[in-house]
N, C-alpha and C. Protein backbone atom coordinates (compact mmCIF):
# COMPACT_ATOMS: atom_id res chain seq x y z
N MET A 1 47.15 111.30 43.32
CA MET A 1 47.15 110.93 44.69
C MET A 1 48.37 111.40 45.38
N ALA A 2 49.52 111.77 44.87
CA ALA A 2 50.63 112.27 45.48
C ALA A 2 50.22 113.95 45.73
N THR A 3 49.43 114.54 45.02
CA THR A 3 49.24 115.72 45.23
C THR A 3 48.23 115.95 46.53
N LYS A 4 47.19 115.23 46.25
CA LYS A 4 46.32 114.95 47.49
C LYS A 4 47.20 114.83 48.82
N THR A 5 47.92 113.85 48.88
CA THR A 5 48.48 113.66 49.94
C THR A 5 49.12 114.78 50.57
N LYS A 6 49.92 115.59 49.72
CA LYS A 6 50.69 116.58 49.84
C LYS A 6 49.76 117.69 50.51
N GLU A 7 48.57 117.96 50.06
CA GLU A 7 47.79 118.81 50.43
C GLU A 7 47.25 118.56 51.77
N VAL A 8 47.05 117.24 52.07
CA VAL A 8 46.49 116.80 53.40
C VAL A 8 47.66 117.01 54.30
N SER A 9 48.86 116.86 54.06
CA SER A 9 49.98 117.09 54.74
C SER A 9 50.23 118.36 55.15
N LEU A 10 49.91 119.43 54.19
CA LEU A 10 50.05 120.80 54.49
C LEU A 10 48.98 121.16 55.27
N GLU A 11 47.84 120.70 55.17
CA GLU A 11 46.62 121.19 56.08
C GLU A 11 46.83 120.76 57.53
N ASN A 12 47.36 119.56 57.73
CA ASN A 12 47.89 119.13 59.06
C ASN A 12 48.90 120.04 59.70
N ARG A 13 49.79 120.35 58.87
CA ARG A 13 50.83 121.32 59.39
C ARG A 13 50.30 122.52 59.73
N ILE A 14 49.36 123.18 58.95
CA ILE A 14 48.81 124.47 59.43
C ILE A 14 47.80 124.33 60.77
N VAL A 15 47.28 123.24 60.86
CA VAL A 15 46.55 122.87 61.94
C VAL A 15 47.44 122.88 63.23
N ASP A 16 48.46 122.06 63.06
CA ASP A 16 49.44 121.88 64.34
C ASP A 16 50.01 123.14 64.62
N LEU A 17 50.23 123.84 63.91
CA LEU A 17 50.98 125.25 64.05
C LEU A 17 50.10 126.21 64.78
N TYR A 18 48.74 125.95 64.07
CA TYR A 18 47.97 126.76 64.75
C TYR A 18 47.51 126.57 66.31
N LYS A 19 47.59 125.18 66.60
CA LYS A 19 47.21 124.83 67.77
C LYS A 19 48.38 125.35 68.82
N GLN A 20 49.50 125.17 68.24
CA GLN A 20 50.71 125.45 68.99
C GLN A 20 50.83 126.98 69.41
N LEU A 21 50.43 127.69 68.48
CA LEU A 21 50.45 129.35 68.66
C LEU A 21 49.21 129.62 69.62
N VAL A 22 48.24 129.02 69.48
CA VAL A 22 47.17 129.50 70.57
C VAL A 22 47.49 129.03 71.79
N VAL A 23 47.87 127.77 72.05
CA VAL A 23 48.41 127.45 73.32
C VAL A 23 49.52 128.40 73.99
N GLU A 24 50.39 128.75 73.20
CA GLU A 24 51.55 129.50 73.45
C GLU A 24 50.99 131.16 73.65
N ASP A 25 49.83 131.54 73.49
CA ASP A 25 49.21 132.80 73.36
C ASP A 25 49.93 133.62 72.42
N LYS A 26 50.21 133.22 71.21
CA LYS A 26 50.88 133.87 70.43
C LYS A 26 50.01 134.24 69.01
N ILE A 27 48.85 133.57 68.92
CA ILE A 27 48.14 133.56 67.78
C ILE A 27 47.31 134.92 67.68
N GLN A 28 47.28 135.78 68.61
CA GLN A 28 46.65 137.09 68.73
C GLN A 28 47.48 138.01 67.88
N ARG A 29 48.72 137.86 67.83
CA ARG A 29 49.81 138.99 67.41
C ARG A 29 49.97 138.38 65.85
N MET A 30 49.39 137.39 65.26
CA MET A 30 49.61 136.90 64.17
C MET A 30 48.71 137.25 63.05
N ASN A 31 49.20 137.35 61.73
CA ASN A 31 48.44 137.40 60.66
C ASN A 31 48.81 136.38 59.74
N VAL A 32 47.84 136.23 58.53
CA VAL A 32 48.28 135.21 57.54
C VAL A 32 49.56 135.30 57.04
N PHE A 33 50.10 136.48 56.90
CA PHE A 33 51.36 136.44 56.13
C PHE A 33 52.43 136.15 57.06
N SER A 34 52.54 136.40 58.33
CA SER A 34 53.36 135.97 59.43
C SER A 34 53.33 134.50 59.67
N PHE A 35 52.01 134.14 59.64
CA PHE A 35 51.81 132.54 60.04
C PHE A 35 52.47 131.64 58.79
N CYS A 36 52.26 132.34 57.56
CA CYS A 36 52.61 131.27 56.36
C CYS A 36 54.26 131.56 56.39
N LYS A 37 54.78 132.56 56.73
CA LYS A 37 56.30 132.60 56.88
C LYS A 37 56.77 131.61 57.79
N MET A 38 56.03 131.45 58.87
CA MET A 38 56.77 130.49 59.90
C MET A 38 56.61 129.10 59.35
N LEU A 39 55.83 128.83 58.41
CA LEU A 39 55.52 127.43 57.83
C LEU A 39 56.20 127.39 56.48
N ASP A 40 56.96 128.58 55.91
CA ASP A 40 57.61 128.53 54.92
C ASP A 40 56.68 128.27 53.44
N ILE A 41 55.69 128.81 53.48
CA ILE A 41 54.65 128.28 52.52
C ILE A 41 54.22 129.93 51.93
N SER A 42 53.46 129.91 50.93
CA SER A 42 52.84 131.01 50.25
C SER A 42 51.28 131.32 50.89
N GLU A 43 51.17 132.68 50.79
CA GLU A 43 49.61 132.72 51.19
C GLU A 43 48.68 132.16 50.36
N ALA A 44 49.07 131.84 49.12
CA ALA A 44 48.20 131.17 47.98
C ALA A 44 48.10 129.70 48.41
N ASP A 45 49.04 128.91 49.02
CA ASP A 45 48.92 127.68 49.45
C ASP A 45 48.07 127.59 50.62
N PHE A 46 48.18 128.64 51.72
CA PHE A 46 47.34 128.83 52.81
C PHE A 46 45.78 129.00 52.44
N TYR A 47 45.45 129.82 51.58
CA TYR A 47 44.17 130.18 51.17
C TYR A 47 43.48 128.88 50.37
N LYS A 48 44.26 127.89 49.91
CA LYS A 48 43.57 126.93 49.55
C LYS A 48 42.79 125.79 50.46
N HIS A 49 43.31 125.96 51.53
CA HIS A 49 42.77 125.22 52.60
C HIS A 49 41.78 126.14 53.67
N PHE A 50 42.18 127.36 53.94
CA PHE A 50 41.49 128.07 54.88
C PHE A 50 41.41 129.65 54.40
N ALA A 51 40.39 130.16 54.98
CA ALA A 51 40.06 131.50 54.44
C ALA A 51 40.58 132.49 55.55
N SER A 52 40.93 132.03 56.73
CA SER A 52 41.39 132.92 57.70
C SER A 52 41.92 132.14 58.73
N LEU A 53 42.53 132.77 59.68
CA LEU A 53 43.17 131.97 60.90
C LEU A 53 42.16 131.45 61.80
N ASP A 54 41.11 132.35 62.02
CA ASP A 54 40.09 131.83 62.67
C ASP A 54 39.33 130.40 62.06
N ALA A 55 39.50 130.52 60.66
CA ALA A 55 38.85 129.28 60.13
C ALA A 55 39.43 127.98 60.49
N ILE A 56 40.71 128.16 61.08
CA ILE A 56 41.46 126.88 61.22
C ILE A 56 40.78 126.41 62.67
N GLY A 57 40.74 127.44 63.43
CA GLY A 57 40.08 126.90 64.82
C GLY A 57 38.57 126.49 64.70
N ARG A 58 37.88 126.93 63.94
CA ARG A 58 36.40 126.45 63.84
C ARG A 58 36.61 125.02 63.13
N LYS A 59 37.47 124.82 62.14
CA LYS A 59 37.52 123.20 61.85
C LYS A 59 37.94 122.61 62.60
N ILE A 60 38.96 122.69 63.57
CA ILE A 60 39.46 122.04 64.70
C ILE A 60 38.22 121.64 65.44
N TRP A 61 37.39 122.59 65.96
CA TRP A 61 36.39 122.30 66.82
C TRP A 61 35.30 121.52 66.07
N THR A 62 34.86 121.81 64.84
CA THR A 62 33.99 121.03 64.32
C THR A 62 34.49 119.51 63.93
N ALA A 63 35.73 119.35 63.81
CA ALA A 63 36.11 117.97 63.76
C ALA A 63 36.07 117.23 65.08
N TYR A 64 36.06 117.73 66.09
CA TYR A 64 35.84 117.06 67.32
C TYR A 64 34.52 116.60 67.31
N ALA A 65 33.51 117.32 66.80
CA ALA A 65 32.00 116.56 66.65
C ALA A 65 32.08 115.39 65.75
N ASP A 66 32.49 115.61 64.53
CA ASP A 66 32.74 114.58 63.73
C ASP A 66 33.42 113.17 64.31
N GLU A 67 34.58 113.53 64.87
CA GLU A 67 35.21 112.24 65.39
C GLU A 67 34.20 111.71 66.68
N VAL A 68 33.80 112.47 67.16
CA VAL A 68 32.78 111.71 68.41
C VAL A 68 31.70 111.02 67.86
N ILE A 69 31.02 111.69 66.86
CA ILE A 69 29.83 111.06 66.07
C ILE A 69 30.31 109.60 65.41
N ASN A 70 31.41 109.67 64.89
CA ASN A 70 31.88 108.80 63.90
C ASN A 70 32.32 107.42 64.89
N ILE A 71 32.93 107.66 65.98
CA ILE A 71 33.26 106.68 67.01
C ILE A 71 31.88 106.04 67.44
N LEU A 72 30.91 106.80 67.76
CA LEU A 72 29.56 106.24 68.39
C LEU A 72 29.06 105.47 67.16
N LYS A 73 28.90 105.88 66.04
CA LYS A 73 28.08 105.24 65.05
C LYS A 73 28.77 103.98 64.50
N ASN A 74 30.02 103.95 64.63
CA ASN A 74 30.92 102.92 64.14
C ASN A 74 30.93 101.84 65.49
N SER A 75 30.32 101.98 66.50
CA SER A 75 30.06 101.16 67.64
C SER A 75 29.03 100.05 67.59
N GLU A 76 28.97 99.10 67.75
CA GLU A 76 27.88 97.93 67.45
C GLU A 76 27.11 98.22 68.69
N SER A 77 27.67 98.42 70.04
CA SER A 77 26.79 98.42 70.92
C SER A 77 25.99 99.71 71.16
N TYR A 78 26.35 100.86 70.29
CA TYR A 78 25.65 102.20 70.41
C TYR A 78 24.27 102.01 69.97
N THR A 79 24.02 101.09 69.01
CA THR A 79 22.78 100.92 68.24
C THR A 79 21.65 100.48 69.04
N ASN A 80 22.15 99.72 70.04
CA ASN A 80 21.08 99.12 71.11
C ASN A 80 21.06 99.98 72.22
N TYR A 81 21.49 101.15 72.51
CA TYR A 81 21.47 102.17 73.30
C TYR A 81 20.03 102.75 73.28
N SER A 82 19.53 103.09 74.58
CA SER A 82 18.37 103.79 74.67
C SER A 82 18.85 105.30 74.33
N ALA A 83 17.87 106.15 73.98
CA ALA A 83 18.09 107.57 73.61
C ALA A 83 18.91 108.33 74.68
N ARG A 84 18.59 108.10 75.93
CA ARG A 84 19.24 108.84 77.04
C ARG A 84 20.70 108.13 77.18
N GLU A 85 20.82 106.78 76.94
CA GLU A 85 22.35 106.29 76.94
C GLU A 85 23.16 106.80 75.71
N LYS A 86 22.33 107.03 74.74
CA LYS A 86 23.23 107.74 73.70
C LYS A 86 23.84 109.17 74.12
N ILE A 87 22.88 109.81 74.70
CA ILE A 87 23.16 111.20 74.92
C ILE A 87 24.51 111.15 75.83
N LEU A 88 24.20 110.18 76.96
CA LEU A 88 25.41 110.00 77.78
C LEU A 88 26.85 109.75 77.23
N ALA A 89 26.51 108.75 76.42
CA ALA A 89 27.58 108.21 75.62
C ALA A 89 28.35 109.23 74.73
N TYR A 90 27.65 110.35 74.34
CA TYR A 90 28.47 111.26 73.44
C TYR A 90 29.31 112.00 74.48
N PHE A 91 28.75 112.38 75.65
CA PHE A 91 29.55 113.27 76.55
C PHE A 91 30.83 112.53 77.00
N PHE A 92 30.71 111.38 77.32
CA PHE A 92 31.80 110.40 77.89
C PHE A 92 32.75 110.21 76.56
N THR A 93 32.51 110.01 75.84
CA THR A 93 33.23 109.89 74.20
C THR A 93 33.93 111.13 74.00
N PHE A 94 33.20 112.30 73.92
CA PHE A 94 33.78 113.51 73.73
C PHE A 94 35.05 113.94 74.62
N PHE A 95 35.21 113.74 75.98
CA PHE A 95 35.96 113.84 76.81
C PHE A 95 37.02 112.89 76.82
N ASP A 96 36.91 111.70 76.48
CA ASP A 96 37.92 110.75 76.16
C ASP A 96 38.85 111.19 74.80
N ASN A 97 37.93 111.68 73.85
CA ASN A 97 38.60 111.93 72.53
C ASN A 97 39.50 113.15 72.58
N VAL A 98 39.10 114.18 73.17
CA VAL A 98 39.57 115.55 73.07
C VAL A 98 40.85 115.57 74.05
N ILE A 99 41.13 114.83 75.01
CA ILE A 99 41.95 114.87 76.10
C ILE A 99 43.53 115.35 75.28
N LYS A 100 43.57 114.93 74.32
CA LYS A 100 44.93 115.17 73.36
C LYS A 100 44.96 116.77 73.12
N ASP A 101 43.93 117.47 73.14
CA ASP A 101 44.00 119.00 72.98
C ASP A 101 43.45 119.69 74.16
N ARG A 102 43.60 119.12 75.45
CA ARG A 102 43.06 119.81 76.39
C ARG A 102 43.53 121.28 76.45
N SER A 103 44.79 121.41 76.29
CA SER A 103 45.50 122.93 76.53
C SER A 103 44.87 123.93 75.27
N PHE A 104 44.56 123.25 74.21
CA PHE A 104 44.08 124.03 73.02
C PHE A 104 42.60 124.38 73.49
N ILE A 105 41.73 123.54 73.87
CA ILE A 105 40.42 123.82 74.37
C ILE A 105 40.50 124.78 75.53
N ALA A 106 41.39 124.67 76.45
CA ALA A 106 41.20 125.80 77.46
C ALA A 106 41.51 127.00 76.97
N LYS A 107 42.20 127.22 75.87
CA LYS A 107 42.21 128.72 75.37
C LYS A 107 41.32 128.99 74.60
N THR A 108 40.31 128.21 73.95
CA THR A 108 39.44 128.52 72.77
C THR A 108 37.88 128.23 73.21
N TYR A 109 37.55 127.59 74.32
CA TYR A 109 36.44 126.91 74.70
C TYR A 109 35.23 128.35 74.92
N THR A 110 35.81 129.44 75.15
CA THR A 110 35.29 130.67 75.49
C THR A 110 34.80 131.61 74.15
N GLN A 111 35.75 131.11 73.08
CA GLN A 111 35.44 131.89 71.91
C GLN A 111 34.45 131.33 70.96
N PHE A 112 33.36 131.66 71.24
CA PHE A 112 32.03 131.05 70.51
C PHE A 112 32.05 131.33 69.33
N THR A 113 32.72 132.19 68.59
CA THR A 113 32.85 132.13 67.07
C THR A 113 33.67 130.88 66.60
N LEU A 114 34.46 130.24 67.13
CA LEU A 114 35.26 129.24 66.95
C LEU A 114 34.37 128.06 67.23
N LEU A 115 33.39 128.07 67.95
CA LEU A 115 32.45 126.96 68.31
C LEU A 115 31.30 126.66 67.59
N ARG A 116 31.00 127.75 66.62
CA ARG A 116 29.83 127.91 66.08
C ARG A 116 29.72 126.49 65.22
N GLY A 117 30.54 125.91 64.49
CA GLY A 117 30.44 124.62 63.64
C GLY A 117 30.26 123.38 64.70
N TYR A 118 30.88 123.59 65.56
CA TYR A 118 30.88 122.38 66.63
C TYR A 118 29.50 122.51 67.22
N GLN A 119 28.94 123.56 67.65
CA GLN A 119 27.58 123.59 68.36
C GLN A 119 26.49 123.19 67.32
N ARG A 120 26.71 123.58 66.10
CA ARG A 120 25.58 123.04 65.26
C ARG A 120 25.83 121.65 64.99
N LYS A 121 26.81 120.92 64.69
CA LYS A 121 26.88 119.59 64.57
C LYS A 121 26.28 118.82 65.89
N PHE A 122 26.81 119.19 67.06
CA PHE A 122 26.19 118.77 68.55
C PHE A 122 24.88 118.80 68.37
N ARG A 123 24.05 119.94 68.19
CA ARG A 123 22.79 120.10 68.10
C ARG A 123 22.13 119.24 67.18
N SER A 124 22.39 119.09 65.98
CA SER A 124 22.12 118.28 65.19
C SER A 124 22.03 116.81 65.44
N HIS A 125 23.09 116.28 66.09
CA HIS A 125 23.15 114.85 66.50
C HIS A 125 22.23 114.72 67.56
N MET A 126 22.48 115.76 68.56
CA MET A 126 21.21 115.45 69.81
C MET A 126 19.83 115.44 69.25
N ALA A 127 19.42 116.36 68.26
CA ALA A 127 18.14 116.32 67.79
C ALA A 127 17.89 115.12 67.16
N GLU A 128 18.73 114.46 66.38
CA GLU A 128 18.44 113.14 65.84
C GLU A 128 18.26 112.23 67.05
N VAL A 129 19.00 112.17 68.18
CA VAL A 129 18.75 111.12 69.26
C VAL A 129 17.57 111.43 69.95
N ILE A 130 17.27 112.75 70.01
CA ILE A 130 15.81 113.09 70.66
C ILE A 130 14.68 112.62 69.97
N GLN A 131 14.87 112.74 68.51
CA GLN A 131 13.74 112.25 67.87
C GLN A 131 13.53 110.86 67.98
N GLU A 132 14.67 110.09 68.06
CA GLU A 132 14.65 108.58 68.14
C GLU A 132 13.95 108.22 69.47
N GLY A 133 14.15 109.19 70.49
CA GLY A 133 13.67 108.95 71.87
C GLY A 133 12.07 109.05 71.89
N VAL A 134 11.72 110.07 71.16
CA VAL A 134 10.29 110.46 71.08
C VAL A 134 9.61 109.26 70.41
N ILE A 135 10.04 108.94 69.20
CA ILE A 135 9.49 107.62 68.53
C ILE A 135 9.45 106.54 69.42
N ALA A 136 10.39 106.31 70.13
CA ALA A 136 10.33 105.20 71.07
C ALA A 136 9.77 105.31 72.39
N GLU A 137 9.28 106.42 72.52
CA GLU A 137 8.39 106.85 73.74
C GLU A 137 9.14 106.89 75.03
N GLU A 138 10.62 106.95 74.78
CA GLU A 138 11.56 107.37 76.02
C GLU A 138 11.57 108.55 76.38
N ILE A 139 11.36 109.60 75.49
CA ILE A 139 11.36 111.03 75.61
C ILE A 139 10.15 111.48 75.33
N ARG A 140 9.69 112.38 76.19
CA ARG A 140 8.38 113.36 75.97
C ARG A 140 8.51 114.54 75.16
N SER A 141 7.87 114.51 74.02
CA SER A 141 8.31 115.62 73.20
C SER A 141 7.92 117.16 73.85
N ARG A 142 6.62 117.12 74.23
CA ARG A 142 5.96 118.42 74.86
C ARG A 142 6.25 119.67 74.04
N HIS A 143 6.74 119.30 72.60
CA HIS A 143 7.13 120.28 71.76
C HIS A 143 8.12 121.30 72.38
N LEU A 144 9.13 120.79 73.13
CA LEU A 144 10.10 121.25 73.83
C LEU A 144 11.48 120.96 73.33
N GLU A 145 11.52 120.34 72.13
CA GLU A 145 12.82 119.76 71.58
C GLU A 145 13.83 121.06 71.49
N ASN A 146 13.46 122.05 71.06
CA ASN A 146 14.69 123.25 71.11
C ASN A 146 15.06 123.62 72.45
N LEU A 147 14.15 123.58 73.48
CA LEU A 147 14.47 123.95 74.99
C LEU A 147 15.55 122.84 75.28
N TYR A 148 15.37 121.52 75.05
CA TYR A 148 16.12 120.20 75.30
C TYR A 148 17.45 120.39 74.72
N LEU A 149 17.55 120.95 73.46
CA LEU A 149 18.84 121.21 72.83
C LEU A 149 19.48 122.26 73.57
N ASP A 150 18.88 123.33 73.93
CA ASP A 150 19.53 124.41 74.40
C ASP A 150 20.07 124.11 76.10
N VAL A 151 19.49 123.28 76.72
CA VAL A 151 19.69 122.90 77.87
C VAL A 151 20.97 121.70 77.66
N LEU A 152 21.03 120.85 76.88
CA LEU A 152 22.23 119.81 76.71
C LEU A 152 23.31 120.73 76.20
N TRP A 153 23.34 121.73 75.54
CA TRP A 153 24.43 122.49 74.91
C TRP A 153 25.07 123.32 76.31
N GLY A 154 23.98 124.00 76.98
CA GLY A 154 24.33 124.57 78.17
C GLY A 154 25.10 123.57 79.10
N VAL A 155 24.55 122.55 79.40
CA VAL A 155 25.43 121.35 80.16
C VAL A 155 26.88 121.11 79.63
N HIS A 156 26.79 120.80 78.30
CA HIS A 156 27.97 120.55 77.61
C HIS A 156 29.13 121.65 77.96
N TRP A 157 28.69 123.00 77.73
CA TRP A 157 29.82 123.81 77.92
C TRP A 157 30.14 123.83 79.55
N ALA A 158 29.23 123.67 80.39
CA ALA A 158 29.61 123.85 81.63
C ALA A 158 30.41 122.75 82.21
N LEU A 159 30.08 121.60 81.42
CA LEU A 159 31.17 120.24 81.72
C LEU A 159 32.61 120.58 81.13
N ILE A 160 32.75 121.24 80.08
CA ILE A 160 33.91 121.45 79.52
C ILE A 160 34.86 122.39 80.51
N ARG A 161 33.88 123.25 81.12
CA ARG A 161 34.68 123.92 82.20
C ARG A 161 35.14 123.26 83.45
N PHE A 162 34.28 122.51 84.01
CA PHE A 162 34.47 121.59 84.79
C PHE A 162 35.53 120.77 84.64
N TRP A 163 35.82 120.24 83.28
CA TRP A 163 36.87 119.22 83.23
C TRP A 163 38.13 119.93 83.05
N LEU A 164 38.20 121.15 82.63
CA LEU A 164 39.39 122.04 82.67
C LEU A 164 39.89 122.34 83.93
N ASN A 165 39.03 122.30 84.95
CA ASN A 165 39.55 122.46 86.26
C ASN A 165 39.64 121.46 87.28
N ASP A 166 39.51 120.20 86.45
CA ASP A 166 39.50 118.86 87.02
C ASP A 166 41.09 118.39 87.23
N GLU A 167 41.36 118.16 88.82
CA GLU A 167 42.58 117.63 88.93
C GLU A 167 42.55 116.30 89.53
N SER A 168 41.48 115.59 89.29
CA SER A 168 41.46 114.30 89.93
C SER A 168 42.09 113.35 89.10
N GLU A 169 42.59 112.23 89.59
CA GLU A 169 43.21 111.12 88.84
C GLU A 169 42.29 110.69 87.83
N GLY A 170 42.65 110.65 86.52
CA GLY A 170 42.25 110.18 85.37
C GLY A 170 40.70 110.71 85.19
N PHE A 171 40.62 112.06 85.63
CA PHE A 171 39.39 112.92 85.37
C PHE A 171 38.14 112.22 85.74
N GLU A 172 38.42 111.44 87.19
CA GLU A 172 37.24 110.53 87.52
C GLU A 172 35.95 111.50 88.13
N ASP A 173 36.45 112.94 88.45
CA ASP A 173 35.54 113.62 88.91
C ASP A 173 34.69 114.24 87.77
N THR A 174 35.30 114.37 86.72
CA THR A 174 34.44 114.73 85.54
C THR A 174 33.38 113.57 84.83
N GLU A 175 33.87 112.49 85.26
CA GLU A 175 32.90 111.27 84.68
C GLU A 175 31.73 111.25 85.79
N LYS A 176 31.94 111.57 86.94
CA LYS A 176 30.94 111.80 87.95
C LYS A 176 30.09 112.79 87.68
N ALA A 177 30.67 113.98 87.21
CA ALA A 177 29.96 115.18 87.00
C ALA A 177 29.07 115.06 85.52
N ILE A 178 29.35 114.35 84.75
CA ILE A 178 28.57 114.07 83.57
C ILE A 178 27.12 113.38 83.91
N GLU A 179 27.39 112.52 84.88
CA GLU A 179 26.10 111.76 85.33
C GLU A 179 25.17 112.55 86.20
N THR A 180 26.02 113.43 87.16
CA THR A 180 25.18 114.45 87.84
C THR A 180 24.63 115.57 87.08
N TYR A 181 25.23 116.24 86.33
CA TYR A 181 24.64 117.38 85.39
C TYR A 181 23.80 116.88 84.67
N LEU A 182 23.81 115.61 84.05
CA LEU A 182 22.66 115.25 83.11
C LEU A 182 21.59 114.59 83.74
N ARG A 183 21.58 114.27 85.01
CA ARG A 183 20.43 113.39 85.71
C ARG A 183 19.32 114.27 85.51
N LEU A 184 19.24 115.48 86.08
CA LEU A 184 17.85 116.03 85.90
C LEU A 184 17.45 116.45 84.36
N PRO A 185 18.10 116.98 83.55
CA PRO A 185 17.70 117.11 82.20
C PRO A 185 17.18 115.76 81.60
N LEU A 186 17.82 114.68 81.77
CA LEU A 186 17.41 113.50 81.29
C LEU A 186 15.96 113.01 81.96
N GLU A 187 16.05 113.22 83.23
CA GLU A 187 14.68 112.96 83.98
C GLU A 187 13.54 113.82 83.33
N LEU A 188 13.80 114.87 83.01
CA LEU A 188 12.70 116.04 82.65
C LEU A 188 12.17 115.71 81.31
N MET A 189 13.18 115.21 80.37
CA MET A 189 12.94 114.78 79.06
C MET A 189 12.05 113.62 79.00
N GLY A 190 11.91 112.72 80.12
CA GLY A 190 11.26 111.45 80.09
C GLY A 190 9.80 111.53 80.91
N GLN A 191 9.08 110.50 80.94
CA GLN A 191 7.95 110.56 81.69
C GLN A 191 8.13 111.00 83.01
N ASN A 192 7.57 111.87 83.78
CA ASN A 192 7.84 112.44 84.86
C ASN A 192 6.55 112.75 85.63
N ILE A 193 6.79 113.21 86.97
CA ILE A 193 5.44 113.39 87.82
C ILE A 193 4.55 114.44 87.27
N LEU A 194 4.98 115.37 86.68
CA LEU A 194 4.32 116.43 85.95
C LEU A 194 3.36 115.82 84.94
N ASP A 195 4.01 114.81 84.15
CA ASP A 195 3.01 114.14 83.13
C ASP A 195 1.90 113.45 83.90
N SER A 196 2.29 112.65 84.93
CA SER A 196 1.48 111.85 85.55
C SER A 196 0.44 112.49 86.31
N ALA A 197 0.74 113.57 86.89
CA ALA A 197 -0.29 114.42 87.58
C ALA A 197 -1.38 115.23 86.35
N TYR A 198 -0.84 115.50 85.18
CA TYR A 198 -1.72 115.97 84.21
C TYR A 198 -2.67 114.78 83.81
N GLU A 199 -2.04 113.70 83.53
CA GLU A 199 -2.99 112.57 82.94
C GLU A 199 -4.15 112.36 84.28
N VAL A 200 -3.62 112.18 85.32
CA VAL A 200 -4.84 111.89 86.52
C VAL A 200 -5.79 113.19 86.36
N LEU A 201 -5.26 114.29 86.49
CA LEU A 201 -6.29 115.39 86.42
C LEU A 201 -7.38 115.41 85.33
N ARG A 202 -6.86 115.13 83.96
CA ARG A 202 -7.50 114.78 82.80
C ARG A 202 -8.46 113.77 82.88
N PHE A 203 -8.16 112.62 83.66
CA PHE A 203 -8.95 111.71 83.79
C PHE A 203 -10.05 112.01 84.70
N ALA A 204 -9.81 112.65 85.83
CA ALA A 204 -10.74 113.04 86.88
C ALA A 204 -11.67 113.98 86.16
N LEU A 205 -11.27 114.83 85.64
CA LEU A 205 -12.02 115.93 84.92
C LEU A 205 -13.14 115.40 83.93
N GLY A 206 -12.50 114.29 83.23
CA GLY A 206 -13.52 113.48 82.24
C GLY A 206 -14.40 112.92 82.81
N ARG A 207 -14.38 112.39 84.04
CA ARG A 207 -15.22 111.53 84.91
C ARG A 207 -16.35 112.20 85.58
N LEU A 208 -16.08 113.69 85.77
CA LEU A 208 -16.91 114.48 86.48
C LEU A 208 -18.24 114.75 85.79
N LYS A 209 -19.34 114.73 86.33
CA LYS A 209 -20.61 114.98 85.83
C LYS A 209 -20.95 116.38 86.17
N LEU A 210 -20.69 117.50 85.36
CA LEU A 210 -21.04 118.68 85.68
C LEU A 210 -22.51 118.95 85.26
N PRO A 211 -23.11 119.80 86.24
CA PRO A 211 -24.61 120.09 85.79
C PRO A 211 -24.55 120.97 84.71
N ARG A 212 -25.71 120.79 83.80
CA ARG A 212 -25.86 121.44 82.55
C ARG A 212 -26.43 122.97 83.01
N LEU A 213 -25.93 124.00 82.31
CA LEU A 213 -26.21 125.42 82.64
C LEU A 213 -27.41 125.71 81.73
N THR A 214 -28.46 126.29 82.54
CA THR A 214 -29.72 126.87 81.94
C THR A 214 -29.46 128.38 81.57
N VAL A 215 -29.71 128.60 80.23
CA VAL A 215 -29.48 129.97 79.93
C VAL A 215 -31.08 130.60 80.02
N LEU A 216 -30.85 131.51 80.74
CA LEU A 216 -32.05 132.46 81.16
C LEU A 216 -32.27 133.50 80.02
N SER A 217 -33.48 133.64 79.61
CA SER A 217 -33.65 134.65 78.50
C SER A 217 -34.62 135.89 79.32
């Protein structure tokens, strides 16, 4: 138990130093040897936890998704949300949860190699929510689930950029932006005027009595 606690403590120290060096724009000039020297640990100890310095960044970002999903799934009210409410809840919870690392996110959110694990977890979670919505008939499949996921990821990244430039008190503008940015995608996922027009047209064509064509020989 003591050894495991010691390993967790070392991993936390590695993560904390990495965040500090990223925010201070020093990580670019760093390699594993010099990083370990700052922590007074051996490279062998480092490699027990991470394969590279970038692996630290990927783990930090992936942890953001894990934290948000755990918060949501441990909430009693979350289970009663509609699919669209669950999507909104993820975004609100994300920004509430990562405010502690805003400076780190500002330095790394454009480094997509670090966001790969986070993006994968985000898409997996959203795919689960969308499937629930399709089953509950809150979301229309239209066989566009992958497009829905692409759009939600694009909105998420745009909202991160908005949040990093938000100077309103308590980031109130970001809260408004979440609802604004997601309004159209969420409306398009549900029953909309295009679906209604298609159903009306199909019904009308089904009722039309078209004359039989006589084949001339």
